[in-house]
C-alpha atoms as a PDB file:
ATOM      1  CA  MET A   1      12.529  -8.345 -32.160  1.00  0.00           C
ATOM      2  CA  PRO A   2      16.208  -8.354 -31.118  1.00  0.00           C
ATOM      3  CA  ASN A   3      18.378 -11.112 -32.564  1.00  0.00           C
ATOM      4  CA  TYR A   4      19.266 -12.676 -29.233  1.00  0.00           C
ATOM      5  CA  LEU A   5      15.574 -13.206 -28.441  1.00  0.00           C
ATOM      6  CA  GLU A   6      14.967 -14.846 -31.792  1.00  0.00           C
ATOM      7  CA  LYS A   7      17.883 -17.240 -31.163  1.00  0.00           C
ATOM      8  CA  GLU A   8      16.584 -18.099 -27.693  1.00  0.00           C
ATOM      9  CA  MET A   9      13.137 -18.780 -29.080  1.00  0.00           C
ATOM     10  CA  SER A  10      14.412 -20.950 -31.911  1.00  0.00           C
ATOM     11  CA  ASN A  11      16.891 -22.899 -29.736  1.00  0.00           C
ATOM     12  CA  SER A  12      14.453 -23.704 -26.959  1.00  0.00           C
ATOM     13  CA  SER A  13      13.149 -27.231 -26.787  1.00  0.00           C
ATOM     14  CA  ASN A  14       9.807 -25.936 -25.537  1.00  0.00           C
ATOM     15  CA  LYS A  15       7.530 -24.661 -28.201  1.00  0.00           C
ATOM     16  CA  LYS A  16       5.837 -22.296 -25.730  1.00  0.00           C
ATOM     17  CA  PRO A  17       5.871 -18.604 -26.609  1.00  0.00           C
ATOM     18  CA  LEU A  18       8.380 -16.444 -24.799  1.00  0.00           C
ATOM     19  CA  LEU A  19       6.749 -14.066 -22.298  1.00  0.00           C
ATOM     20  CA  LEU A  20       8.733 -10.869 -22.107  1.00  0.00           C
ATOM     21  CA  ASN A  21       6.493  -9.051 -19.647  1.00  0.00           C
ATOM     22  CA  ASN A  22       4.511 -11.078 -17.156  1.00  0.00           C
ATOM     23  CA  GLN A  23       3.420  -8.384 -14.696  1.00  0.00           C
ATOM     24  CA  SER A  24      -0.090  -7.738 -13.546  1.00  0.00           C
ATOM     25  CA  ASN A  25      -0.671  -4.050 -13.139  1.00  0.00           C
ATOM     26  CA  GLU A  26      -3.332  -3.101 -10.598  1.00  0.00           C
ATOM     27  CA  LEU A  27      -3.025   0.587 -11.379  1.00  0.00           C
ATOM     28  CA  PHE A  28      -4.487   0.382 -14.876  1.00  0.00           C
ATOM     29  CA  ASP A  29      -7.677  -1.369 -15.917  1.00  0.00           C
ATOM     30  CA  ASP A  30      -7.339  -2.404 -19.561  1.00  0.00           C
ATOM     31  CA  ASP A  31     -11.005  -3.230 -20.037  1.00  0.00           C
ATOM     32  CA  ASP A  32     -12.393   0.109 -18.888  1.00  0.00           C
ATOM     33  CA  ASN A  33      -9.326   2.215 -19.762  1.00  0.00           C
ATOM     34  CA  ILE A  34      -9.145   3.642 -16.229  1.00  0.00           C
ATOM     35  CA  ILE A  35      -5.969   4.710 -14.443  1.00  0.00           C
ATOM     36  CA  HIS A  36      -6.272   4.080 -10.706  1.00  0.00           C
ATOM     37  CA  LYS A  37      -4.660   6.305  -8.112  1.00  0.00           C
ATOM     38  CA  LEU A  38      -1.496   5.207  -6.329  1.00  0.00           C
ATOM     39  CA  ILE A  39      -1.941   5.390  -2.546  1.00  0.00           C
ATOM     40  CA  ASN A  40       1.048   5.162  -0.192  1.00  0.00           C
ATOM     41  CA  VAL A  41       1.606   5.579   3.529  1.00  0.00           C
ATOM     42  CA  LYS A  42       4.896   7.184   4.485  1.00  0.00           C
ATOM     43  CA  PHE A  43       6.447   7.103   7.953  1.00  0.00           C
ATOM     44  CA  ILE A  44       8.248  10.308   8.872  1.00  0.00           C
ATOM     45  CA  ARG A  45      10.594  10.609  11.833  1.00  0.00           C
ATOM     46  CA  LEU A  46      10.544  14.137  13.234  1.00  0.00           C
ATOM     47  CA  PRO A  47      13.091  15.883  15.454  1.00  0.00           C
ATOM     48  CA  ASN A  48      12.691  15.443  19.230  1.00  0.00           C
ATOM     49  CA  SER A  49      11.466  11.837  18.836  1.00  0.00           C
ATOM     50  CA  GLY A  50       8.323  12.787  16.930  1.00  0.00           C
ATOM     51  CA  GLU A  51       6.626  10.573  14.358  1.00  0.00           C
ATOM     52  CA  ASP A  52       4.029  11.187  11.665  1.00  0.00           C
ATOM     53  CA  TRP A  53       2.408   9.066   8.978  1.00  0.00           C
ATOM     54  CA  GLU A  54       1.431  10.712   5.707  1.00  0.00           C
ATOM     55  CA  ILE A  55      -1.099   9.298   3.268  1.00  0.00           C
ATOM     56  CA  LEU A  56      -0.004  10.111  -0.276  1.00  0.00           C
ATOM     57  CA  GLU A  57      -2.245   9.973  -3.314  1.00  0.00           C
ATOM     58  CA  ASP A  58      -0.181  10.098  -6.510  1.00  0.00           C
ATOM     59  CA  SER A  59       2.758  11.591  -4.534  1.00  0.00           C
ATOM     60  CA  ILE A  60       0.589  14.371  -3.050  1.00  0.00           C
ATOM     61  CA  VAL A  61       0.030  14.460   0.715  1.00  0.00           C
ATOM     62  CA  VAL A  62      -3.712  14.245   1.357  1.00  0.00           C
ATOM     63  CA  LEU A  63      -3.839  13.316   5.048  1.00  0.00           C
ATOM     64  CA  THR A  64      -1.383  13.349   7.935  1.00  0.00           C
ATOM     65  CA  LEU A  65      -1.687  11.160  10.994  1.00  0.00           C
ATOM     66  CA  LYS A  66       0.154  13.082  13.705  1.00  0.00           C
ATOM     67  CA  GLY A  67       2.072  10.867  16.099  1.00  0.00           C
ATOM     68  CA  THR A  68       1.237  13.158  18.993  1.00  0.00           C
ATOM     69  CA  ARG A  69      -2.469  12.435  18.433  1.00  0.00           C
ATOM     70  CA  LEU A  70      -2.030   8.648  18.411  1.00  0.00           C
ATOM     71  CA  THR A  71      -1.890   6.359  21.411  1.00  0.00           C
ATOM     72  CA  LYS A  72       0.966   3.947  22.002  1.00  0.00           C
ATOM     73  CA  ARG A  73      -1.227   1.021  20.877  1.00  0.00           C
ATOM     74  CA  GLU A  74      -2.177   2.755  17.631  1.00  0.00           C
ATOM     75  CA  LYS A  75       1.458   3.531  16.912  1.00  0.00           C
ATOM     76  CA  THR A  76       2.415  -0.100  17.546  1.00  0.00           C
ATOM     77  CA  ILE A  77      -0.104  -1.197  14.934  1.00  0.00           C
ATOM     78  CA  LEU A  78       1.143   1.393  12.440  1.00  0.00           C
ATOM     79  CA  TYR A  79       4.687   0.028  12.735  1.00  0.00           C
ATOM     80  CA  THR A  80       3.478  -3.225  11.146  1.00  0.00           C
ATOM     81  CA  SER A  81       2.477  -3.899   7.563  1.00  0.00           C
ATOM     82  CA  GLU A  82      -1.029  -4.844   8.737  1.00  0.00           C
ATOM     83  CA  GLY A  83      -1.480  -1.378  10.192  1.00  0.00           C
ATOM     84  CA  LEU A  84      -0.401   0.296   6.982  1.00  0.00           C
ATOM     85  CA  ASN A  85      -2.764  -1.955   5.020  1.00  0.00           C
ATOM     86  CA  ILE A  86      -5.612  -0.922   7.333  1.00  0.00           C
ATOM     87  CA  VAL A  87      -4.867   2.755   6.722  1.00  0.00           C
ATOM     88  CA  ILE A  88      -4.715   2.263   2.942  1.00  0.00           C
ATOM     89  CA  ALA A  89      -7.925   0.181   2.903  1.00  0.00           C
ATOM     90  CA  GLU A  90      -9.783   2.752   4.989  1.00  0.00           C
ATOM     91  CA  TYR A  91      -8.626   5.597   2.779  1.00  0.00           C
ATOM     92  CA  LYS A  92      -9.623   3.717  -0.372  1.00  0.00           C
ATOM     93  CA  SER A  93     -13.054   2.975   1.082  1.00  0.00           C
ATOM     94  CA  GLY A  94     -13.680   6.704   1.505  1.00  0.00           C
ATOM     95  CA  ASN A  95     -12.846   7.138   5.185  1.00  0.00           C
ATOM     96  CA  LYS A  96     -10.698  10.256   4.955  1.00  0.00           C
ATOM     97  CA  SER A  97     -10.888  11.315   8.601  1.00  0.00           C
ATOM     98  CA  VAL A  98      -8.213  10.741  11.210  1.00  0.00           C
ATOM     99  CA  ALA A  99     -10.832   9.792  13.815  1.00  0.00           C
ATOM    100  CA  GLY A 100     -12.298   7.063  11.590  1.00  0.00           C
ATOM    101  CA  ILE A 101      -8.870   5.592  10.849  1.00  0.00           C
ATOM    102  CA  LYS A 102      -7.980   5.657  14.556  1.00  0.00           C
ATOM    103  CA  GLN A 103     -11.209   3.788  15.332  1.00  0.00           C
ATOM    104  CA  LYS A 104     -10.308   1.048  12.844  1.00  0.00           C
ATOM    105  CA  LEU A 105      -6.833   0.759  14.398  1.00  0.00           C
ATOM    106  CA  ARG A 106      -8.425   0.387  17.854  1.00  0.00           C
ATOM    107  CA  ASP A 107     -10.832  -2.256  16.518  1.00  0.00           C
ATOM    108  CA  HIS A 108      -7.892  -4.144  15.012  1.00  0.00           C
ATOM    109  CA  TRP A 109      -6.068  -4.032  18.361  1.00  0.00           C
ATOM    110  CA  LYS A 110      -9.115  -5.427  20.146  1.00  0.00           C
ATOM    111  CA  ASP A 111      -9.512  -8.195  17.567  1.00  0.00           C
ATOM    112  CA  GLN A 112      -5.876  -9.235  17.917  1.00  0.00           C
ATOM    113  CA  HIS A 113      -5.507  -9.057  21.714  1.00  0.00           C
ATOM    114  CA  ASP A 114      -8.930 -10.005  23.031  1.00  0.00           C
ATOM    115  CA  LYS A 115      -8.863 -13.510  21.560  1.00  0.00           C
ATOM    116  CA  VAL A 116      -9.244 -16.068  24.315  1.00  0.00           C
END
C-alpha cells in the first residue's frame, strides 16, 4: 500500500476501512465467472441528411437500423434515451430483427401519446 494511503487511514477519525474501488461492474459476474457482452447503440449521421443507428456488440456492428426505413415517429423515439434503452433491451432479449424493434418503438409511441 502506498505511504500516502497509510497516512490517510491512520489520521482519519473514522475507524472505517478505506474503500479504494467502489464500482459495481455489470459486465462481469463474480459468482459464475461469466463475462457479459457490452451492447451499445450508436447514432450515425450520414451525408445528405441521412441517419442510421448501429447496434454494437463488443464493438462489432451486429445490426443496423437504417433511417430511411424508419418513420418520423420512430426516429423521434430513437433520439431519446428511452428509445435507445428500448433498442438495447429488445436486442438483449433476443429480438434481433429490425421489424421487431420497430414494432416495440411503435408500441412505446402509442403508450406515451394515447394516454387520456
